[in-house]
Amino acid sequence: MTFTVLIPARLASTRLPGKPLADLGGAPMVVRVAQQALKSGAQRVVVAADSSAIAEQCEAFGVPAVLTRADHPSGSDRLAEACGLLGLEDNDIVVNVQGDEPLIDPALINAVARLLQERQDCAMSTAAHTIDEFSDFINPNVVKVVLDAQNTALYFSRAPIPAARDFSGQAGWDTHRALSAPLRHVGIYGYRVSFLRLFPALPPSPLEQLESLEQLRVLWHGHRIAVHITHHAPGPGVDTPEDLARVRRLFS
């Protein structure tokens, strides 16, 4: 199995400005992400940066980086440009690891890449794990996914899905989980490079705009996403100053 890990990194962040360069134990966060990814089976790990400041910091720590346009509307568009800059072939597999996941499990990266290699019927792969807490099930910031019999994504939503017709809330939570355990989507993606090149040309879908979930564009246009079920919840990502403080303590 051969694949490349690409880490998109934007300097601008509404909730945490300069997030990729935030210090974690003496190294920028994006470098910590790359160091974790290097523990996987990837043949190479490259940061797709939107600014020279990020690229320079990566290179200072020995992490390869390519400088992409700053005006990309999404991380997928940035990855598509990076594939061209790196000369990747259409049949190559790329795993997108988010630049704010310094505790990403290398085994999860391998599993997402391996799944896409096995599922030739799918353009993408991703991951999910079982939701154990009712509060997470009803939280719109926790993205849910429902699957078919082959663990192919049917739909992603911020709403609590699958929803029982006679939904009884917290009181019926254990029964709900026993019938169909809800799954939390984990934001890691495997792509075939040919699909990454196609994706920026696909018009955004109404469902994507309604839910604010880019992966719904993939399903809307008839492409398939294979989902790896992991038994381990991912380590905490960094979206807010509070998240950053928590992760910094782990690196101190």
C-alpha atoms as a PDB file:
ATOM      1  CA  MET A   1       0.000   0.000   0.000  1.00  0.00           C
ATOM      2  CA  THR A   2       1.398   3.368  -1.048  1.00  0.00           C
ATOM      3  CA  PHE A   3      -0.151   6.713  -0.213  1.00  0.00           C
ATOM      4  CA  THR A   4       0.668  10.352   0.533  1.00  0.00           C
ATOM      5  CA  VAL A   5      -0.539  12.359   3.519  1.00  0.00           C
ATOM      6  CA  LEU A   6      -1.412  15.969   2.754  1.00  0.00           C
ATOM      7  CA  ILE A   7      -2.036  18.438   5.579  1.00  0.00           C
ATOM      8  CA  PRO A   8      -3.869  21.612   4.472  1.00  0.00           C
ATOM      9  CA  ALA A   9      -2.922  24.606   6.624  1.00  0.00           C
ATOM     10  CA  ARG A  10      -4.509  28.069   6.591  1.00  0.00           C
ATOM     11  CA  LEU A  11      -2.976  30.920   8.541  1.00  0.00           C
ATOM     12  CA  ALA A  12      -6.327  32.693   8.890  1.00  0.00           C
ATOM     13  CA  SER A  13      -8.741  31.282  11.469  1.00  0.00           C
ATOM     14  CA  THR A  14     -11.804  33.056  12.790  1.00  0.00           C
ATOM     15  CA  ARG A  15     -11.747  31.388  16.199  1.00  0.00           C
ATOM     16  CA  LEU A  16      -7.997  30.937  16.628  1.00  0.00           C
ATOM     17  CA  PRO A  17      -5.847  33.236  14.435  1.00  0.00           C
ATOM     18  CA  GLY A  18      -2.474  31.782  13.427  1.00  0.00           C
ATOM     19  CA  LYS A  19      -3.548  28.325  14.582  1.00  0.00           C
ATOM     20  CA  PRO A  20      -1.106  26.254  12.427  1.00  0.00           C
ATOM     21  CA  LEU A  21       1.838  28.065  14.032  1.00  0.00           C
ATOM     22  CA  ALA A  22       0.603  27.825  17.624  1.00  0.00           C
ATOM     23  CA  ASP A  23       3.420  26.473  19.796  1.00  0.00           C
ATOM     24  CA  LEU A  24       3.039  22.952  21.173  1.00  0.00           C
ATOM     25  CA  GLY A  25       6.019  22.014  23.290  1.00  0.00           C
ATOM     26  CA  GLY A  26       8.527  23.926  21.161  1.00  0.00           C
ATOM     27  CA  ALA A  27       7.161  23.159  17.680  1.00  0.00           C
ATOM     28  CA  PRO A  28       4.299  24.627  15.625  1.00  0.00           C
ATOM     29  CA  MET A  29       1.048  22.679  15.699  1.00  0.00           C
ATOM     30  CA  VAL A  30       1.169  21.839  11.985  1.00  0.00           C
ATOM     31  CA  VAL A  31       4.622  20.336  12.516  1.00  0.00           C
ATOM     32  CA  ARG A  32       3.272  18.221  15.389  1.00  0.00           C
ATOM     33  CA  VAL A  33       0.527  16.955  13.061  1.00  0.00           C
ATOM     34  CA  ALA A  34       3.128  16.049  10.423  1.00  0.00           C
ATOM     35  CA  GLN A  35       5.266  14.269  13.015  1.00  0.00           C
ATOM     36  CA  GLN A  36       2.284  12.097  13.974  1.00  0.00           C
ATOM     37  CA  ALA A  37       1.478  11.395  10.319  1.00  0.00           C
ATOM     38  CA  LEU A  38       5.083  10.318   9.719  1.00  0.00           C
ATOM     39  CA  LYS A  39       4.464   7.433  12.153  1.00  0.00           C
ATOM     40  CA  SER A  40       1.941   5.996   9.681  1.00  0.00           C
ATOM     41  CA  GLY A  41       2.792   3.967   6.596  1.00  0.00           C
ATOM     42  CA  ALA A  42       2.680   7.009   4.291  1.00  0.00           C
ATOM     43  CA  GLN A  43       5.440   7.238   1.712  1.00  0.00           C
ATOM     44  CA  ARG A  44       5.570  10.984   2.277  1.00  0.00           C
ATOM     45  CA  VAL A  45       3.900  13.657   4.376  1.00  0.00           C
ATOM     46  CA  VAL A  46       3.537  17.162   2.931  1.00  0.00           C
ATOM     47  CA  VAL A  47       1.936  20.340   4.292  1.00  0.00           C
ATOM     48  CA  ALA A  48      -0.180  22.296   1.779  1.00  0.00           C
ATOM     49  CA  ALA A  49       0.296  25.818   3.116  1.00  0.00           C
ATOM     50  CA  ASP A  50      -1.470  29.047   2.171  1.00  0.00           C
ATOM     51  CA  SER A  51       1.345  31.306   3.368  1.00  0.00           C
ATOM     52  CA  SER A  52       5.116  31.449   3.238  1.00  0.00           C
ATOM     53  CA  ALA A  53       5.203  31.791   7.047  1.00  0.00           C
ATOM     54  CA  ILE A  54       3.772  28.271   7.430  1.00  0.00           C
ATOM     55  CA  ALA A  55       5.983  26.810   4.695  1.00  0.00           C
ATOM     56  CA  GLU A  56       9.127  28.329   6.236  1.00  0.00           C
ATOM     57  CA  GLN A  57       8.342  26.991   9.693  1.00  0.00           C
ATOM     58  CA  CYS A  58       7.697  23.522   8.294  1.00  0.00           C
ATOM     59  CA  GLU A  59      10.983  23.521   6.415  1.00  0.00           C
ATOM     60  CA  ALA A  60      12.812  24.699   9.556  1.00  0.00           C
ATOM     61  CA  PHE A  61      11.648  21.485  11.250  1.00  0.00           C
ATOM     62  CA  GLY A  62      12.397  19.274   8.240  1.00  0.00           C
ATOM     63  CA  VAL A  63       8.762  18.908   7.153  1.00  0.00           C
ATOM     64  CA  PRO A  64       8.185  19.226   3.370  1.00  0.00           C
ATOM     65  CA  ALA A  65       5.664  21.899   2.364  1.00  0.00           C
ATOM     66  CA  VAL A  66       4.195  23.302  -0.843  1.00  0.00           C
ATOM     67  CA  LEU A  67       2.858  26.831  -1.116  1.00  0.00           C
ATOM     68  CA  THR A  68      -0.693  26.959  -2.505  1.00  0.00           C
ATOM     69  CA  ARG A  69      -3.016  29.835  -3.333  1.00  0.00           C
ATOM     70  CA  ALA A  70      -4.463  31.726  -0.386  1.00  0.00           C
ATOM     71  CA  ASP A  71      -7.949  32.105  -1.898  1.00  0.00           C
ATOM     72  CA  HIS A  72      -9.093  28.470  -2.046  1.00  0.00           C
ATOM     73  CA  PRO A  73     -12.714  28.113  -0.834  1.00  0.00           C
ATOM     74  CA  SER A  74     -12.078  24.742   0.821  1.00  0.00           C
ATOM     75  CA  GLY A  75      -9.379  22.381   1.987  1.00  0.00           C
ATOM     76  CA  SER A  76     -10.234  20.004  -0.851  1.00  0.00           C
ATOM     77  CA  ASP A  77      -9.445  22.702  -3.418  1.00  0.00           C
ATOM     78  CA  ARG A  78      -6.118  23.297  -1.694  1.00  0.00           C
ATOM     79  CA  LEU A  79      -5.327  19.588  -1.807  1.00  0.00           C
ATOM     80  CA  ALA A  80      -6.166  19.425  -5.505  1.00  0.00           C
ATOM     81  CA  GLU A  81      -3.604  22.164  -6.232  1.00  0.00           C
ATOM     82  CA  ALA A  82      -1.038  20.406  -4.023  1.00  0.00           C
ATOM     83  CA  CYS A  83      -1.491  17.168  -6.001  1.00  0.00           C
ATOM     84  CA  GLY A  84      -0.564  19.043  -9.158  1.00  0.00           C
ATOM     85  CA  LEU A  85       2.451  20.681  -7.541  1.00  0.00           C
ATOM     86  CA  LEU A  86       3.665  17.272  -6.334  1.00  0.00           C
ATOM     87  CA  GLY A  87       3.071  15.561  -9.685  1.00  0.00           C
ATOM     88  CA  LEU A  88       0.787  12.874  -8.254  1.00  0.00           C
ATOM     89  CA  GLU A  89      -0.898  10.439 -10.650  1.00  0.00           C
ATOM     90  CA  ASP A  90      -4.676   9.936 -10.989  1.00  0.00           C
ATOM     91  CA  ASN A  91      -4.579   6.493  -9.341  1.00  0.00           C
ATOM     92  CA  ASP A  92      -2.544   7.651  -6.351  1.00  0.00           C
ATOM     93  CA  ILE A  93      -4.180   7.769  -2.927  1.00  0.00           C
ATOM     94  CA  VAL A  94      -3.992  10.853  -0.716  1.00  0.00           C
ATOM     95  CA  VAL A  95      -5.053  11.005   2.931  1.00  0.00           C
ATOM     96  CA  ASN A  96      -6.134  14.431   4.160  1.00  0.00           C
ATOM     97  CA  VAL A  97      -5.124  14.925   7.778  1.00  0.00           C
ATOM     98  CA  GLN A  98      -6.420  18.161   9.271  1.00  0.00           C
ATOM     99  CA  GLY A  99      -3.778  20.641  10.414  1.00  0.00           C
ATOM    100  CA  ASP A 100      -5.365  20.993  13.853  1.00  0.00           C
ATOM    101  CA  GLU A 101      -5.162  17.296  14.844  1.00  0.00           C
ATOM    102  CA  PRO A 102      -1.767  16.999  16.583  1.00  0.00           C
ATOM    103  CA  LEU A 103      -2.874  13.798  18.345  1.00  0.00           C
ATOM    104  CA  ILE A 104      -4.090  11.966  15.228  1.00  0.00           C
ATOM    105  CA  ASP A 105      -3.627   8.196  15.496  1.00  0.00           C
ATOM    106  CA  PRO A 106      -1.199   6.935  12.813  1.00  0.00           C
ATOM    107  CA  ALA A 107      -3.096   3.624  12.724  1.00  0.00           C
ATOM    108  CA  LEU A 108      -6.259   5.495  11.735  1.00  0.00           C
ATOM    109  CA  ILE A 109      -4.403   7.127   8.833  1.00  0.00           C
ATOM    110  CA  ASN A 110      -3.309   3.694   7.621  1.00  0.00           C
ATOM    111  CA  ALA A 111      -6.827   2.281   7.967  1.00  0.00           C
ATOM    112  CA  VAL A 112      -8.405   5.054   5.896  1.00  0.00           C
ATOM    113  CA  ALA A 113      -5.796   4.621   3.141  1.00  0.00           C
ATOM    114  CA  ARG A 114      -6.144   0.830   3.132  1.00  0.00           C
ATOM    115  CA  LEU A 115      -9.944   1.016   2.964  1.00  0.00           C
ATOM    116  CA  LEU A 116      -9.882   3.201  -0.141  1.00  0.00           C
ATOM    117  CA  GLN A 117      -7.372   0.891  -1.791  1.00  0.00           C
ATOM    118  CA  GLU A 118      -9.732  -2.041  -1.153  1.00  0.00           C
ATOM    119  CA  ARG A 119     -12.940  -0.236  -2.135  1.00  0.00           C
ATOM    120  CA  GLN A 120     -12.469   0.382  -5.844  1.00  0.00           C
ATOM    121  CA  ASP A 121     -16.151   1.389  -6.069  1.00  0.00           C
ATOM    122  CA  CYS A 122     -15.539   4.466  -3.906  1.00  0.00           C
ATOM    123  CA  ALA A 123     -13.955   7.829  -4.659  1.00  0.00           C
ATOM    124  CA  MET A 124     -13.261   8.601  -1.004  1.00  0.00           C
ATOM    125  CA  SER A 125     -12.877   7.021   2.412  1.00  0.00           C
ATOM    126  CA  THR A 126     -13.319   8.380   5.914  1.00  0.00           C
ATOM    127  CA  ALA A 127     -13.876   7.152   9.481  1.00  0.00           C
ATOM    128  CA  ALA A 128     -16.460   7.040  12.266  1.00  0.00           C
ATOM    129  CA  HIS A 129     -16.866   5.713  15.788  1.00  0.00           C
ATOM    130  CA  THR A 130     -19.824   4.846  18.012  1.00  0.00           C
ATOM    131  CA  ILE A 131     -21.508   7.652  19.947  1.00  0.00           C
ATOM    132  CA  ASP A 132     -21.796   6.682  23.607  1.00  0.00           C
ATOM    133  CA  GLU A 133     -23.251   9.854  25.110  1.00  0.00           C
ATOM    134  CA  PHE A 134     -26.756  11.180  24.482  1.00  0.00           C
ATOM    135  CA  SER A 135     -25.435  14.762  24.713  1.00  0.00           C
ATOM    136  CA  ASP A 136     -23.155  14.090  21.723  1.00  0.00           C
ATOM    137  CA  PHE A 137     -26.010  12.552  19.751  1.00  0.00           C
ATOM    138  CA  ILE A 138     -28.109  15.734  19.983  1.00  0.00           C
ATOM    139  CA  ASN A 139     -25.159  18.141  19.637  1.00  0.00           C
ATOM    140  CA  PRO A 140     -25.166  19.828  16.185  1.00  0.00           C
ATOM    141  CA  ASN A 141     -21.388  20.272  16.410  1.00  0.00           C
ATOM    142  CA  VAL A 142     -21.014  16.478  16.431  1.00  0.00           C
ATOM    143  CA  VAL A 143     -21.477  15.278  12.849  1.00  0.00           C
ATOM    144  CA  LYS A 144     -23.282  11.966  12.469  1.00  0.00           C
ATOM    145  CA  VAL A 145     -23.152   9.463   9.595  1.00  0.00           C
ATOM    146  CA  VAL A 146     -25.437   6.570   8.639  1.00  0.00           C
ATOM    147  CA  LEU A 147     -24.167   3.645   6.554  1.00  0.00           C
ATOM    148  CA  ASP A 148     -25.421   0.901   4.273  1.00  0.00           C
ATOM    149  CA  ALA A 149     -24.651  -2.826   4.670  1.00  0.00           C
ATOM    150  CA  GLN A 150     -21.175  -2.374   3.086  1.00  0.00           C
ATOM    151  CA  ASN A 151     -20.253   0.526   5.393  1.00  0.00           C
ATOM    152  CA  THR A 152     -20.730   3.045   2.613  1.00  0.00           C
ATOM    153  CA  ALA A 153     -22.023   6.467   3.683  1.00  0.00           C
ATOM    154  CA  LEU A 154     -25.714   7.106   3.056  1.00  0.00           C
ATOM    155  CA  TYR A 155     -25.865  10.546   4.674  1.00  0.00           C
ATOM    156  CA  PHE A 156     -24.004  12.898   7.009  1.00  0.00           C
ATOM    157  CA  SER A 157     -25.875  15.293   9.276  1.00  0.00           C
ATOM    158  CA  ARG A 158     -25.643  17.578  12.268  1.00  0.00           C
ATOM    159  CA  ALA A 159     -29.062  16.293  13.301  1.00  0.00           C
ATOM    160  CA  PRO A 160     -29.456  13.189  15.503  1.00  0.00           C
ATOM    161  CA  ILE A 161     -29.536  10.348  12.967  1.00  0.00           C
ATOM    162  CA  PRO A 162     -30.711   7.647  12.672  1.00  0.00           C
ATOM    163  CA  ALA A 163     -33.813   8.948  14.443  1.00  0.00           C
ATOM    164  CA  ALA A 164     -36.458   6.585  15.799  1.00  0.00           C
ATOM    165  CA  ARG A 165     -40.012   7.397  14.705  1.00  0.00           C
ATOM    166  CA  ASP A 166     -41.083   7.437  18.342  1.00  0.00           C
ATOM    167  CA  PHE A 167     -37.958   9.204  19.574  1.00  0.00           C
ATOM    168  CA  SER A 168     -38.104   9.361  23.354  1.00  0.00           C
ATOM    169  CA  GLY A 169     -34.944  11.340  24.030  1.00  0.00           C
ATOM    170  CA  GLN A 170     -32.680  10.497  26.928  1.00  0.00           C
ATOM    171  CA  ALA A 171     -35.185   7.990  28.354  1.00  0.00           C
ATOM    172  CA  GLY A 172     -34.938   5.748  25.285  1.00  0.00           C
ATOM    173  CA  TRP A 173     -31.226   6.221  24.622  1.00  0.00           C
ATOM    174  CA  ASP A 174     -30.116   2.707  25.572  1.00  0.00           C
ATOM    175  CA  THR A 175     -32.830   1.110  23.411  1.00  0.00           C
ATOM    176  CA  HIS A 176     -31.914   3.422  20.541  1.00  0.00           C
ATOM    177  CA  ARG A 177     -28.246   2.429  20.679  1.00  0.00           C
ATOM    178  CA  ALA A 178     -29.089  -1.272  20.900  1.00  0.00           C
ATOM    179  CA  LEU A 179     -31.175  -1.129  17.708  1.00  0.00           C
ATOM    180  CA  SER A 180     -28.761   1.006  15.678  1.00  0.00           C
ATOM    181  CA  ALA A 181     -25.702   2.513  17.335  1.00  0.00           C
ATOM    182  CA  PRO A 182     -25.287   6.108  16.102  1.00  0.00           C
ATOM    183  CA  LEU A 183     -21.909   6.954  14.581  1.00  0.00           C
ATOM    184  CA  ARG A 184     -19.851  10.097  14.932  1.00  0.00           C
ATOM    185  CA  HIS A 185     -18.000  11.131  11.796  1.00  0.00           C
ATOM    186  CA  VAL A 186     -14.245  11.589  12.188  1.00  0.00           C
ATOM    187  CA  GLY A 187     -12.845  14.309   9.913  1.00  0.00           C
ATOM    188  CA  ILE A 188     -10.116  12.386   8.104  1.00  0.00           C
ATOM    189  CA  TYR A 189     -10.453  11.652   4.370  1.00  0.00           C
ATOM    190  CA  GLY A 190      -8.824   9.416   1.805  1.00  0.00           C
ATOM    191  CA  TYR A 191      -9.094  10.462  -1.860  1.00  0.00           C
ATOM    192  CA  ARG A 192      -8.166   9.095  -5.217  1.00  0.00           C
ATOM    193  CA  VAL A 193      -6.207  11.893  -6.875  1.00  0.00           C
ATOM    194  CA  SER A 194      -8.449  11.697  -9.958  1.00  0.00           C
ATOM    195  CA  PHE A 195     -11.443  12.580  -7.764  1.00  0.00           C
ATOM    196  CA  LEU A 196      -9.570  15.368  -5.987  1.00  0.00           C
ATOM    197  CA  ARG A 197      -8.967  16.947  -9.390  1.00  0.00           C
ATOM    198  CA  LEU A 198     -12.666  16.614 -10.230  1.00  0.00           C
ATOM    199  CA  PHE A 199     -14.049  17.862  -6.923  1.00  0.00           C
ATOM    200  CA  PRO A 200     -13.404  21.629  -7.324  1.00  0.00           C
ATOM    201  CA  ALA A 201     -15.477  21.583 -10.542  1.00  0.00           C
ATOM    202  CA  LEU A 202     -18.527  20.026  -8.837  1.00  0.00           C
ATOM    203  CA  PRO A 203     -21.203  22.624  -8.019  1.00  0.00           C
ATOM    204  CA  PRO A 204     -22.000  22.932  -4.299  1.00  0.00           C
ATOM    205  CA  SER A 205     -25.154  21.057  -3.350  1.00  0.00           C
ATOM    206  CA  PRO A 206     -28.173  22.451  -1.473  1.00  0.00           C
ATOM    207  CA  LEU A 207     -27.693  19.852   1.264  1.00  0.00           C
ATOM    208  CA  GLU A 208     -24.050  20.852   1.680  1.00  0.00           C
ATOM    209  CA  GLN A 209     -25.036  24.483   2.059  1.00  0.00           C
ATOM    210  CA  LEU A 210     -27.860  23.673   4.481  1.00  0.00           C
ATOM    211  CA  GLU A 211     -25.803  21.427   6.766  1.00  0.00           C
ATOM    212  CA  SER A 212     -22.463  23.173   6.153  1.00  0.00           C
ATOM    213  CA  LEU A 213     -20.868  19.783   5.405  1.00  0.00           C
ATOM    214  CA  GLU A 214     -18.678  19.625   2.313  1.00  0.00           C
ATOM    215  CA  GLN A 215     -18.815  15.821   2.098  1.00  0.00           C
ATOM    216  CA  LEU A 216     -22.505  16.037   1.155  1.00  0.00           C
ATOM    217  CA  ARG A 217     -21.435  17.469  -2.211  1.00  0.00           C
ATOM    218  CA  VAL A 218     -19.749  14.138  -2.913  1.00  0.00           C
ATOM    219  CA  LEU A 219     -22.917  12.134  -2.232  1.00  0.00           C
ATOM    220  CA  TRP A 220     -25.147  14.651  -4.035  1.00  0.00           C
ATOM    221  CA  HIS A 221     -23.224  14.125  -7.273  1.00  0.00           C
ATOM    222  CA  GLY A 222     -23.422  10.321  -7.025  1.00  0.00           C
ATOM    223  CA  HIS A 223     -19.961   9.464  -5.715  1.00  0.00           C
ATOM    224  CA  ARG A 224     -19.433   6.947  -2.912  1.00  0.00           C
ATOM    225  CA  ILE A 225     -17.603   7.271   0.407  1.00  0.00           C
ATOM    226  CA  ALA A 226     -16.376   4.165   2.265  1.00  0.00           C
ATOM    227  CA  VAL A 227     -16.334   4.455   6.054  1.00  0.00           C
ATOM    228  CA  HIS A 228     -13.890   2.763   8.432  1.00  0.00           C
ATOM    229  CA  ILE A 229     -15.355   2.074  11.891  1.00  0.00           C
ATOM    230  CA  THR A 230     -12.798   2.688  14.617  1.00  0.00           C
ATOM    231  CA  HIS A 231     -13.261   1.582  18.206  1.00  0.00           C
ATOM    232  CA  HIS A 232     -11.200   4.463  19.545  1.00  0.00           C
ATOM    233  CA  ALA A 233     -12.358   8.073  19.676  1.00  0.00           C
ATOM    234  CA  PRO A 234      -9.750  10.406  18.139  1.00  0.00           C
ATOM    235  CA  GLY A 235      -7.582  12.608  20.325  1.00  0.00           C
ATOM    236  CA  PRO A 236      -8.789  16.176  20.854  1.00  0.00           C
ATOM    237  CA  GLY A 237      -8.440  18.601  17.960  1.00  0.00           C
ATOM    238  CA  VAL A 238      -7.819  22.317  18.330  1.00  0.00           C
ATOM    239  CA  ASP A 239     -10.606  24.740  17.377  1.00  0.00           C
ATOM    240  CA  THR A 240     -10.681  27.204  20.277  1.00  0.00           C
ATOM    241  CA  PRO A 241      -8.260  28.810  22.760  1.00  0.00           C
ATOM    242  CA  GLU A 242      -9.568  26.368  25.370  1.00  0.00           C
ATOM    243  CA  ASP A 243      -8.727  23.419  23.104  1.00  0.00           C
ATOM    244  CA  LEU A 244      -5.247  24.825  22.561  1.00  0.00           C
ATOM    245  CA  ALA A 245      -4.623  25.171  26.292  1.00  0.00           C
ATOM    246  CA  ARG A 246      -5.755  21.577  26.883  1.00  0.00           C
ATOM    247  CA  VAL A 247      -3.523  20.134  24.153  1.00  0.00           C
ATOM    248  CA  ARG A 248      -0.568  22.287  25.243  1.00  0.00           C
ATOM    249  CA  ARG A 249      -0.710  20.623  28.639  1.00  0.00           C
ATOM    250  CA  LEU A 250      -0.251  17.261  26.940  1.00  0.00           C
ATOM    251  CA  PHE A 251       2.906  18.479  25.202  1.00  0.00           C
ATOM    252  CA  SER A 252       4.385  20.270  28.220  1.00  0.00           C
END
